[in-house]
Amino acid sequence: MLPPELPPLPALTRAEAELIDRYLDVVDLLGRINPARHGDTYRGLRAAQALVAKSRALRDALELMHTRGENEVHAPTLARALRVLDGERRAARVALPPGSES
């Protein structure tokens, strides 16, 4: 049995697609750095080192959009793209895990 087919990505400009990709790169690294999650310090250190380059790439993607005259972020369209690319699960790793009431 085949896994369910994902919905198609919405139509994005190249700059918007680059923004989404770079944003998710940063989110993934922040999830690896999150001190509220299990992991070792070396893994967090490596993610923090990579975060510098990935955040520059995110800045460059936004700068490209602005330079091209894409001055508005079309949030509903970009949110759909993030959902298709598993952005909700990936971003949840950045948040604090549920606490225990003790």
PDB file of N, CA and C in Angstrom:
ATOM      1  N   MET A   1       0.850  -1.176   0.000  1.00  0.00           N
ATOM      2  CA  MET A   1       0.000   0.000   0.000  1.00  0.00           C
ATOM      3  C   MET A   1       0.899   1.244   0.000  1.00  0.00           C
ATOM      4  N   LEU A   2       0.579   2.186  -0.831  1.00  0.00           N
ATOM      5  CA  LEU A   2       1.349   3.420  -0.950  1.00  0.00           C
ATOM      6  C   LEU A   2       0.914   4.427   0.111  1.00  0.00           C
ATOM      7  N   PRO A   3       1.843   5.256   0.587  1.00  0.00           N
ATOM      8  CA  PRO A   3       1.451   6.301   1.539  1.00  0.00           C
ATOM      9  C   PRO A   3       0.557   7.323   0.851  1.00  0.00           C
ATOM     10  N   PRO A   4      -0.255   8.035   1.631  1.00  0.00           N
ATOM     11  CA  PRO A   4      -1.134   9.033   1.016  1.00  0.00           C
ATOM     12  C   PRO A   4      -0.317  10.109   0.309  1.00  0.00           C
ATOM     13  N   GLU A   5      -0.831  10.571  -0.800  1.00  0.00           N
ATOM     14  CA  GLU A   5      -0.139  11.599  -1.578  1.00  0.00           C
ATOM     15  C   GLU A   5      -0.309  12.951  -0.902  1.00  0.00           C
ATOM     16  N   LEU A   6       0.788  13.681  -0.824  1.00  0.00           N
ATOM     17  CA  LEU A   6       0.746  15.014  -0.227  1.00  0.00           C
ATOM     18  C   LEU A   6       0.029  15.983  -1.159  1.00  0.00           C
ATOM     19  N   PRO A   7      -0.625  16.991  -0.586  1.00  0.00           N
ATOM     20  CA  PRO A   7      -1.219  17.999  -1.457  1.00  0.00           C
ATOM     21  C   PRO A   7      -0.115  18.746  -2.188  1.00  0.00           C
ATOM     22  N   PRO A   8      -0.428  19.287  -3.345  1.00  0.00           N
ATOM     23  CA  PRO A   8       0.613  20.007  -4.096  1.00  0.00           C
ATOM     24  C   PRO A   8       0.981  21.311  -3.392  1.00  0.00           C
ATOM     25  N   LEU A   9       2.209  21.725  -3.600  1.00  0.00           N
ATOM     26  CA  LEU A   9       2.627  23.030  -3.088  1.00  0.00           C
ATOM     27  C   LEU A   9       1.863  24.121  -3.832  1.00  0.00           C
ATOM     28  N   PRO A  10       1.524  25.193  -3.148  1.00  0.00           N
ATOM     29  CA  PRO A  10       0.902  26.314  -3.864  1.00  0.00           C
ATOM     30  C   PRO A  10       1.930  26.956  -4.794  1.00  0.00           C
ATOM     31  N   ALA A  11       1.442  27.699  -5.760  1.00  0.00           N
ATOM     32  CA  ALA A  11       2.340  28.402  -6.679  1.00  0.00           C
ATOM     33  C   ALA A  11       3.106  29.468  -5.903  1.00  0.00           C
ATOM     34  N   LEU A  12       4.430  29.396  -5.986  1.00  0.00           N
ATOM     35  CA  LEU A  12       5.295  30.352  -5.304  1.00  0.00           C
ATOM     36  C   LEU A  12       6.275  30.937  -6.303  1.00  0.00           C
ATOM     37  N   THR A  13       6.693  32.160  -6.046  1.00  0.00           N
ATOM     38  CA  THR A  13       7.796  32.698  -6.835  1.00  0.00           C
ATOM     39  C   THR A  13       9.062  31.981  -6.386  1.00  0.00           C
ATOM     40  N   ARG A  14      10.115  32.096  -7.165  1.00  0.00           N
ATOM     41  CA  ARG A  14      11.386  31.478  -6.754  1.00  0.00           C
ATOM     42  C   ARG A  14      11.863  32.055  -5.430  1.00  0.00           C
ATOM     43  N   ALA A  15      11.685  33.349  -5.265  1.00  0.00           N
ATOM     44  CA  ALA A  15      12.123  33.998  -4.028  1.00  0.00           C
ATOM     45  C   ALA A  15      11.306  33.501  -2.835  1.00  0.00           C
ATOM     46  N   GLU A  16       9.998  33.313  -3.018  1.00  0.00           N
ATOM     47  CA  GLU A  16       9.165  32.794  -1.932  1.00  0.00           C
ATOM     48  C   GLU A  16       9.565  31.359  -1.582  1.00  0.00           C
ATOM     49  N   ALA A  17       9.828  30.553  -2.595  1.00  0.00           N
ATOM     50  CA  ALA A  17      10.259  29.175  -2.353  1.00  0.00           C
ATOM     51  C   ALA A  17      11.587  29.155  -1.598  1.00  0.00           C
ATOM     52  N   GLU A  18      12.491  30.044  -1.972  1.00  0.00           N
ATOM     53  CA  GLU A  18      13.772  30.148  -1.277  1.00  0.00           C
ATOM     54  C   GLU A  18      13.557  30.578   0.176  1.00  0.00           C
ATOM     55  N   LEU A  19      12.660  31.519   0.401  1.00  0.00           N
ATOM     56  CA  LEU A  19      12.333  31.969   1.752  1.00  0.00           C
ATOM     57  C   LEU A  19      11.836  30.796   2.593  1.00  0.00           C
ATOM     58  N   ILE A  20      10.902  30.030   2.057  1.00  0.00           N
ATOM     59  CA  ILE A  20      10.346  28.885   2.786  1.00  0.00           C
ATOM     60  C   ILE A  20      11.447  27.876   3.107  1.00  0.00           C
ATOM     61  N   ASP A  21      12.267  27.549   2.133  1.00  0.00           N
ATOM     62  CA  ASP A  21      13.347  26.576   2.349  1.00  0.00           C
ATOM     63  C   ASP A  21      14.327  27.047   3.410  1.00  0.00           C
ATOM     64  N   ARG A  22      14.747  28.299   3.328  1.00  0.00           N
ATOM     65  CA  ARG A  22      15.719  28.812   4.290  1.00  0.00           C
ATOM     66  C   ARG A  22      15.108  28.948   5.686  1.00  0.00           C
ATOM     67  N   TYR A  23      13.834  29.328   5.748  1.00  0.00           N
ATOM     68  CA  TYR A  23      13.141  29.422   7.033  1.00  0.00           C
ATOM     69  C   TYR A  23      13.109  28.053   7.705  1.00  0.00           C
ATOM     70  N   LEU A  24      12.757  27.026   6.953  1.00  0.00           N
ATOM     71  CA  LEU A  24      12.708  25.680   7.533  1.00  0.00           C
ATOM     72  C   LEU A  24      14.092  25.185   7.936  1.00  0.00           C
ATOM     73  N   ASP A  25      15.123  25.571   7.200  1.00  0.00           N
ATOM     74  CA  ASP A  25      16.492  25.235   7.610  1.00  0.00           C
ATOM     75  C   ASP A  25      16.782  25.792   9.004  1.00  0.00           C
ATOM     76  N   VAL A  26      16.419  27.059   9.210  1.00  0.00           N
ATOM     77  CA  VAL A  26      16.663  27.710  10.499  1.00  0.00           C
ATOM     78  C   VAL A  26      15.822  27.051  11.588  1.00  0.00           C
ATOM     79  N   VAL A  27      14.568  26.768  11.302  1.00  0.00           N
ATOM     80  CA  VAL A  27      13.693  26.126  12.289  1.00  0.00           C
ATOM     81  C   VAL A  27      14.253  24.759  12.694  1.00  0.00           C
ATOM     82  N   ASP A  28      14.707  23.984  11.714  1.00  0.00           N
ATOM     83  CA  ASP A  28      15.276  22.672  12.029  1.00  0.00           C
ATOM     84  C   ASP A  28      16.481  22.800  12.958  1.00  0.00           C
ATOM     85  N   LEU A  29      17.341  23.767  12.690  1.00  0.00           N
ATOM     86  CA  LEU A  29      18.520  23.953  13.537  1.00  0.00           C
ATOM     87  C   LEU A  29      18.136  24.429  14.937  1.00  0.00           C
ATOM     88  N   LEU A  30      17.181  25.331  15.026  1.00  0.00           N
ATOM     89  CA  LEU A  30      16.726  25.780  16.342  1.00  0.00           C
ATOM     90  C   LEU A  30      16.122  24.625  17.135  1.00  0.00           C
ATOM     91  N   GLY A  31      15.440  23.724  16.455  1.00  0.00           N
ATOM     92  CA  GLY A  31      14.909  22.537  17.119  1.00  0.00           C
ATOM     93  C   GLY A  31      16.008  21.657  17.682  1.00  0.00           C
ATOM     94  N   ARG A  32      17.122  21.572  16.969  1.00  0.00           N
ATOM     95  CA  ARG A  32      18.256  20.767  17.452  1.00  0.00           C
ATOM     96  C   ARG A  32      18.973  21.446  18.617  1.00  0.00           C
ATOM     97  N   ILE A  33      18.913  22.770  18.672  1.00  0.00           N
ATOM     98  CA  ILE A  33      19.581  23.530  19.734  1.00  0.00           C
ATOM     99  C   ILE A  33      18.720  23.609  20.993  1.00  0.00           C
ATOM    100  N   ASN A  34      17.431  23.473  20.872  1.00  0.00           N
ATOM    101  CA  ASN A  34      16.483  23.668  21.966  1.00  0.00           C
ATOM    102  C   ASN A  34      16.955  22.954  23.244  1.00  0.00           C
ATOM    103  N   PRO A  35      17.307  23.714  24.287  1.00  0.00           N
ATOM    104  CA  PRO A  35      17.815  23.084  25.505  1.00  0.00           C
ATOM    105  C   PRO A  35      16.753  22.317  26.292  1.00  0.00           C
ATOM    106  N   ALA A  36      15.493  22.482  25.946  1.00  0.00           N
ATOM    107  CA  ALA A  36      14.433  21.750  26.625  1.00  0.00           C
ATOM    108  C   ALA A  36      14.226  20.353  26.025  1.00  0.00           C
ATOM    109  N   ARG A  37      14.969  20.043  24.988  1.00  0.00           N
ATOM    110  CA  ARG A  37      14.883  18.726  24.335  1.00  0.00           C
ATOM    111  C   ARG A  37      16.119  17.906  24.674  1.00  0.00           C
ATOM    112  N   HIS A  38      15.965  16.591  24.638  1.00  0.00           N
ATOM    113  CA  HIS A  38      17.097  15.704  24.892  1.00  0.00           C
ATOM    114  C   HIS A  38      18.102  15.804  23.755  1.00  0.00           C
ATOM    115  N   GLY A  39      19.351  15.672  24.089  1.00  0.00           N
ATOM    116  CA  GLY A  39      20.419  15.711  23.101  1.00  0.00           C
ATOM    117  C   GLY A  39      21.725  16.039  23.794  1.00  0.00           C
ATOM    118  N   ASP A  40      22.795  15.932  23.057  1.00  0.00           N
ATOM    119  CA  ASP A  40      24.088  16.233  23.664  1.00  0.00           C
ATOM    120  C   ASP A  40      24.548  17.632  23.261  1.00  0.00           C
ATOM    121  N   THR A  41      25.509  18.146  23.990  1.00  0.00           N
ATOM    122  CA  THR A  41      25.971  19.516  23.738  1.00  0.00           C
ATOM    123  C   THR A  41      26.683  19.636  22.398  1.00  0.00           C
ATOM    124  N   TYR A  42      27.346  18.582  21.966  1.00  0.00           N
ATOM    125  CA  TYR A  42      28.052  18.649  20.687  1.00  0.00           C
ATOM    126  C   TYR A  42      27.058  18.833  19.541  1.00  0.00           C
ATOM    127  N   ARG A  43      25.959  18.115  19.599  1.00  0.00           N
ATOM    128  CA  ARG A  43      24.925  18.259  18.566  1.00  0.00           C
ATOM    129  C   ARG A  43      24.394  19.692  18.542  1.00  0.00           C
ATOM    130  N   GLY A  44      24.135  20.261  19.726  1.00  0.00           N
ATOM    131  CA  GLY A  44      23.666  21.640  19.804  1.00  0.00           C
ATOM    132  C   GLY A  44      24.705  22.626  19.312  1.00  0.00           C
ATOM    133  N   LEU A  45      25.966  22.369  19.639  1.00  0.00           N
ATOM    134  CA  LEU A  45      27.045  23.235  19.179  1.00  0.00           C
ATOM    135  C   LEU A  45      27.139  23.239  17.664  1.00  0.00           C
ATOM    136  N   ARG A  46      27.089  22.068  17.064  1.00  0.00           N
ATOM    137  CA  ARG A  46      27.163  21.973  15.595  1.00  0.00           C
ATOM    138  C   ARG A  46      25.975  22.688  14.948  1.00  0.00           C
ATOM    139  N   ALA A  47      24.800  22.527  15.523  1.00  0.00           N
ATOM    140  CA  ALA A  47      23.614  23.206  14.986  1.00  0.00           C
ATOM    141  C   ALA A  47      23.750  24.717  15.128  1.00  0.00           C
ATOM    142  N   ALA A  48      24.274  25.177  16.251  1.00  0.00           N
ATOM    143  CA  ALA A  48      24.451  26.621  16.461  1.00  0.00           C
ATOM    144  C   ALA A  48      25.465  27.201  15.476  1.00  0.00           C
ATOM    145  N   GLN A  49      26.504  26.448  15.202  1.00  0.00           N
ATOM    146  CA  GLN A  49      27.492  26.907  14.223  1.00  0.00           C
ATOM    147  C   GLN A  49      26.866  27.010  12.834  1.00  0.00           C
ATOM    148  N   ALA A  50      26.060  26.036  12.468  1.00  0.00           N
ATOM    149  CA  ALA A  50      25.409  26.048  11.152  1.00  0.00           C
ATOM    150  C   ALA A  50      24.344  27.133  11.069  1.00  0.00           C
ATOM    151  N   LEU A  51      23.773  27.488  12.211  1.00  0.00           N
ATOM    152  CA  LEU A  51      22.708  28.495  12.239  1.00  0.00           C
ATOM    153  C   LEU A  51      23.183  29.844  11.689  1.00  0.00           C
ATOM    154  N   VAL A  52      24.420  30.174  11.896  1.00  0.00           N
ATOM    155  CA  VAL A  52      24.952  31.447  11.414  1.00  0.00           C
ATOM    156  C   VAL A  52      24.815  31.532   9.889  1.00  0.00           C
ATOM    157  N   ALA A  53      25.280  30.506   9.198  1.00  0.00           N
ATOM    158  CA  ALA A  53      25.208  30.508   7.730  1.00  0.00           C
ATOM    159  C   ALA A  53      23.764  30.436   7.245  1.00  0.00           C
ATOM    160  N   LYS A  54      22.955  29.619   7.901  1.00  0.00           N
ATOM    161  CA  LYS A  54      21.553  29.469   7.465  1.00  0.00           C
ATOM    162  C   LYS A  54      20.757  30.744   7.702  1.00  0.00           C
ATOM    163  N   SER A  55      21.055  31.457   8.779  1.00  0.00           N
ATOM    164  CA  SER A  55      20.328  32.712   9.015  1.00  0.00           C
ATOM    165  C   SER A  55      20.733  33.773   7.994  1.00  0.00           C
ATOM    166  N   ARG A  56      21.993  33.744   7.568  1.00  0.00           N
ATOM    167  CA  ARG A  56      22.411  34.654   6.491  1.00  0.00           C
ATOM    168  C   ARG A  56      21.657  34.327   5.206  1.00  0.00           C
ATOM    169  N   ALA A  57      21.507  33.049   4.909  1.00  0.00           N
ATOM    170  CA  ALA A  57      20.790  32.645   3.702  1.00  0.00           C
ATOM    171  C   ALA A  57      19.323  33.063   3.782  1.00  0.00           C
ATOM    172  N   LEU A  58      18.735  32.983   4.972  1.00  0.00           N
ATOM    173  CA  LEU A  58      17.353  33.441   5.163  1.00  0.00           C
ATOM    174  C   LEU A  58      17.266  34.944   4.932  1.00  0.00           C
ATOM    175  N   ARG A  59      18.213  35.682   5.481  1.00  0.00           N
ATOM    176  CA  ARG A  59      18.252  37.133   5.253  1.00  0.00           C
ATOM    177  C   ARG A  59      18.377  37.441   3.772  1.00  0.00           C
ATOM    178  N   ASP A  60      19.251  36.707   3.079  1.00  0.00           N
ATOM    179  CA  ASP A  60      19.446  36.930   1.648  1.00  0.00           C
ATOM    180  C   ASP A  60      18.174  36.648   0.856  1.00  0.00           C
ATOM    181  N   ALA A  61      17.425  35.621   1.257  1.00  0.00           N
ATOM    182  CA  ALA A  61      16.164  35.306   0.569  1.00  0.00           C
ATOM    183  C   ALA A  61      15.166  36.444   0.735  1.00  0.00           C
ATOM    184  N   LEU A  62      15.074  36.981   1.936  1.00  0.00           N
ATOM    185  CA  LEU A  62      14.167  38.107   2.171  1.00  0.00           C
ATOM    186  C   LEU A  62      14.637  39.359   1.426  1.00  0.00           C
ATOM    187  N   GLU A  63      15.932  39.570   1.411  1.00  0.00           N
ATOM    188  CA  GLU A  63      16.485  40.718   0.692  1.00  0.00           C
ATOM    189  C   GLU A  63      16.192  40.608  -0.810  1.00  0.00           C
ATOM    190  N   LEU A  64      16.321  39.399  -1.363  1.00  0.00           N
ATOM    191  CA  LEU A  64      16.021  39.176  -2.774  1.00  0.00           C
ATOM    192  C   LEU A  64      14.561  39.485  -3.068  1.00  0.00           C
ATOM    193  N   MET A  65      13.666  39.020  -2.202  1.00  0.00           N
ATOM    194  CA  MET A  65      12.246  39.321  -2.396  1.00  0.00           C
ATOM    195  C   MET A  65      12.018  40.825  -2.421  1.00  0.00           C
ATOM    196  N   HIS A  66      12.606  41.511  -1.463  1.00  0.00           N
ATOM    197  CA  HIS A  66      12.429  42.967  -1.383  1.00  0.00           C
ATOM    198  C   HIS A  66      12.999  43.658  -2.619  1.00  0.00           C
ATOM    199  N   THR A  67      14.175  43.226  -3.053  1.00  0.00           N
ATOM    200  CA  THR A  67      14.819  43.817  -4.228  1.00  0.00           C
ATOM    201  C   THR A  67      13.972  43.612  -5.476  1.00  0.00           C
ATOM    202  N   ARG A  68      13.331  42.471  -5.582  1.00  0.00           N
ATOM    203  CA  ARG A  68      12.489  42.168  -6.746  1.00  0.00           C
ATOM    204  C   ARG A  68      11.134  42.847  -6.690  1.00  0.00           C
ATOM    205  N   GLY A  69      10.877  43.585  -5.637  1.00  0.00           N
ATOM    206  CA  GLY A  69       9.598  44.276  -5.528  1.00  0.00           C
ATOM    207  C   GLY A  69       8.519  43.438  -4.866  1.00  0.00           C
ATOM    208  N   GLU A  70       8.882  42.296  -4.322  1.00  0.00           N
ATOM    209  CA  GLU A  70       7.918  41.472  -3.582  1.00  0.00           C
ATOM    210  C   GLU A  70       7.893  41.999  -2.151  1.00  0.00           C
ATOM    211  N   ASN A  71       7.134  43.070  -1.959  1.00  0.00           N
ATOM    212  CA  ASN A  71       7.162  43.787  -0.689  1.00  0.00           C
ATOM    213  C   ASN A  71       6.171  43.266   0.336  1.00  0.00           C
ATOM    214  N   GLU A  72       5.299  42.368  -0.065  1.00  0.00           N
ATOM    215  CA  GLU A  72       4.328  41.808   0.865  1.00  0.00           C
ATOM    216  C   GLU A  72       4.530  40.313   0.977  1.00  0.00           C
ATOM    217  N   VAL A  73       4.396  39.819   2.196  1.00  0.00           N
ATOM    218  CA  VAL A  73       4.430  38.381   2.433  1.00  0.00           C
ATOM    219  C   VAL A  73       2.986  37.899   2.362  1.00  0.00           C
ATOM    220  N   HIS A  74       2.722  36.965   1.491  1.00  0.00           N
ATOM    221  CA  HIS A  74       1.370  36.417   1.332  1.00  0.00           C
ATOM    222  C   HIS A  74       1.228  35.236   2.291  1.00  0.00           C
ATOM    223  N   ALA A  75       0.910  35.582   3.536  1.00  0.00           N
ATOM    224  CA  ALA A  75       0.924  34.623   4.636  1.00  0.00           C
ATOM    225  C   ALA A  75       0.070  33.378   4.393  1.00  0.00           C
ATOM    226  N   PRO A  76      -1.166  33.483   3.911  1.00  0.00           N
ATOM    227  CA  PRO A  76      -1.952  32.261   3.724  1.00  0.00           C
ATOM    228  C   PRO A  76      -1.302  31.280   2.738  1.00  0.00           C
ATOM    229  N   THR A  77      -0.744  31.799   1.656  1.00  0.00           N
ATOM    230  CA  THR A  77      -0.089  30.944   0.662  1.00  0.00           C
ATOM    231  C   THR A  77       1.173  30.318   1.235  1.00  0.00           C
ATOM    232  N   LEU A  78       1.968  31.115   1.917  1.00  0.00           N
ATOM    233  CA  LEU A  78       3.208  30.596   2.487  1.00  0.00           C
ATOM    234  C   LEU A  78       2.918  29.620   3.631  1.00  0.00           C
ATOM    235  N   ALA A  79       1.864  29.869   4.392  1.00  0.00           N
ATOM    236  CA  ALA A  79       1.480  28.926   5.454  1.00  0.00           C
ATOM    237  C   ALA A  79       1.074  27.581   4.859  1.00  0.00           C
ATOM    238  N   ARG A  80       0.355  27.606   3.733  1.00  0.00           N
ATOM    239  CA  ARG A  80      -0.001  26.329   3.073  1.00  0.00           C
ATOM    240  C   ARG A  80       1.247  25.588   2.643  1.00  0.00           C
ATOM    241  N   ALA A  81       2.213  26.310   2.080  1.00  0.00           N
ATOM    242  CA  ALA A  81       3.469  25.675   1.665  1.00  0.00           C
ATOM    243  C   ALA A  81       4.186  25.079   2.872  1.00  0.00           C
ATOM    244  N   LEU A  82       4.217  25.799   3.985  1.00  0.00           N
ATOM    245  CA  LEU A  82       4.863  25.284   5.189  1.00  0.00           C
ATOM    246  C   LEU A  82       4.179  24.014   5.691  1.00  0.00           C
ATOM    247  N   ARG A  83       2.856  23.990   5.628  1.00  0.00           N
ATOM    248  CA  ARG A  83       2.135  22.783   6.068  1.00  0.00           C
ATOM    249  C   ARG A  83       2.450  21.585   5.178  1.00  0.00           C
ATOM    250  N   VAL A  84       2.501  21.800   3.866  1.00  0.00           N
ATOM    251  CA  VAL A  84       2.826  20.709   2.943  1.00  0.00           C
ATOM    252  C   VAL A  84       4.228  20.179   3.240  1.00  0.00           C
ATOM    253  N   LEU A  85       5.140  21.061   3.630  1.00  0.00           N
ATOM    254  CA  LEU A  85       6.529  20.681   3.895  1.00  0.00           C
ATOM    255  C   LEU A  85       6.758  20.294   5.352  1.00  0.00           C
ATOM    256  N   ASP A  86       5.688  19.967   6.071  1.00  0.00           N
ATOM    257  CA  ASP A  86       5.769  19.471   7.445  1.00  0.00           C
ATOM    258  C   ASP A  86       6.272  20.535   8.409  1.00  0.00           C
ATOM    259  N   GLY A  87       5.982  21.785   8.106  1.00  0.00           N
ATOM    260  CA  GLY A  87       6.453  22.890   8.927  1.00  0.00           C
ATOM    261  C   GLY A  87       5.903  22.889  10.338  1.00  0.00           C
ATOM    262  N   GLU A  88       4.678  22.421  10.522  1.00  0.00           N
ATOM    263  CA  GLU A  88       4.101  22.424  11.870  1.00  0.00           C
ATOM    264  C   GLU A  88       4.884  21.498  12.801  1.00  0.00           C
ATOM    265  N   ARG A  89       5.193  20.302  12.337  1.00  0.00           N
ATOM    266  CA  ARG A  89       5.953  19.355  13.157  1.00  0.00           C
ATOM    267  C   ARG A  89       7.360  19.892  13.409  1.00  0.00           C
ATOM    268  N   ARG A  90       7.960  20.432  12.361  1.00  0.00           N
ATOM    269  CA  ARG A  90       9.326  20.927  12.480  1.00  0.00           C
ATOM    270  C   ARG A  90       9.394  22.119  13.433  1.00  0.00           C
ATOM    271  N   ALA A  91       8.440  23.017  13.362  1.00  0.00           N
ATOM    272  CA  ALA A  91       8.425  24.186  14.247  1.00  0.00           C
ATOM    273  C   ALA A  91       8.089  23.802  15.685  1.00  0.00           C
ATOM    274  N   ALA A  92       7.353  22.722  15.875  1.00  0.00           N
ATOM    275  CA  ALA A  92       7.002  22.287  17.231  1.00  0.00           C
ATOM    276  C   ALA A  92       8.239  21.893  18.032  1.00  0.00           C
ATOM    277  N   ARG A  93       9.305  21.491  17.352  1.00  0.00           N
ATOM    278  CA  ARG A  93      10.537  21.119  18.058  1.00  0.00           C
ATOM    279  C   ARG A  93      11.221  22.332  18.686  1.00  0.00           C
ATOM    280  N   VAL A  94      10.847  23.533  18.247  1.00  0.00           N
ATOM    281  CA  VAL A  94      11.429  24.756  18.802  1.00  0.00           C
ATOM    282  C   VAL A  94      10.732  25.124  20.110  1.00  0.00           C
ATOM    283  N   ALA A  95       9.467  24.774  20.234  1.00  0.00           N
ATOM    284  CA  ALA A  95       8.677  25.127  21.415  1.00  0.00           C
ATOM    285  C   ALA A  95       9.064  24.267  22.619  1.00  0.00           C
ATOM    286  N   LEU A  96       8.657  24.736  23.786  1.00  0.00           N
ATOM    287  CA  LEU A  96       8.870  23.937  24.991  1.00  0.00           C
ATOM    288  C   LEU A  96       7.952  22.728  24.961  1.00  0.00           C
ATOM    289  N   PRO A  97       8.464  21.574  25.372  1.00  0.00           N
ATOM    290  CA  PRO A  97       7.590  20.413  25.459  1.00  0.00           C
ATOM    291  C   PRO A  97       6.596  20.617  26.607  1.00  0.00           C
ATOM    292  N   PRO A  98       5.463  19.906  26.563  1.00  0.00           N
ATOM    293  CA  PRO A  98       4.483  20.062  27.647  1.00  0.00           C
ATOM    294  C   PRO A  98       5.123  19.730  28.989  1.00  0.00           C
ATOM    295  N   GLY A  99       4.828  20.536  29.987  1.00  0.00           N
ATOM    296  CA  GLY A  99       5.404  20.331  31.317  1.00  0.00           C
ATOM    297  C   GLY A  99       4.545  19.413  32.154  1.00  0.00           C
ATOM    298  N   SER A 100       5.145  18.871  33.171  1.00  0.00           N
ATOM    299  CA  SER A 100       4.379  18.044  34.098  1.00  0.00           C
ATOM    300  C   SER A 100       3.968  18.922  35.282  1.00  0.00           C
ATOM    301  N   GLU A 101       2.803  18.727  35.744  1.00  0.00           N
ATOM    302  CA  GLU A 101       2.260  19.495  36.875  1.00  0.00           C
ATOM    303  C   GLU A 101       2.680  18.809  38.163  1.00  0.00           C
ATOM    304  N   SER A 102       3.850  19.189  38.693  1.00  0.00           N
ATOM    305  CA  SER A 102       4.270  18.592  39.969  1.00  0.00           C
ATOM    306  C   SER A 102       4.840  19.612  40.900  1.00  0.00           C
TER     307      SER A 102
END
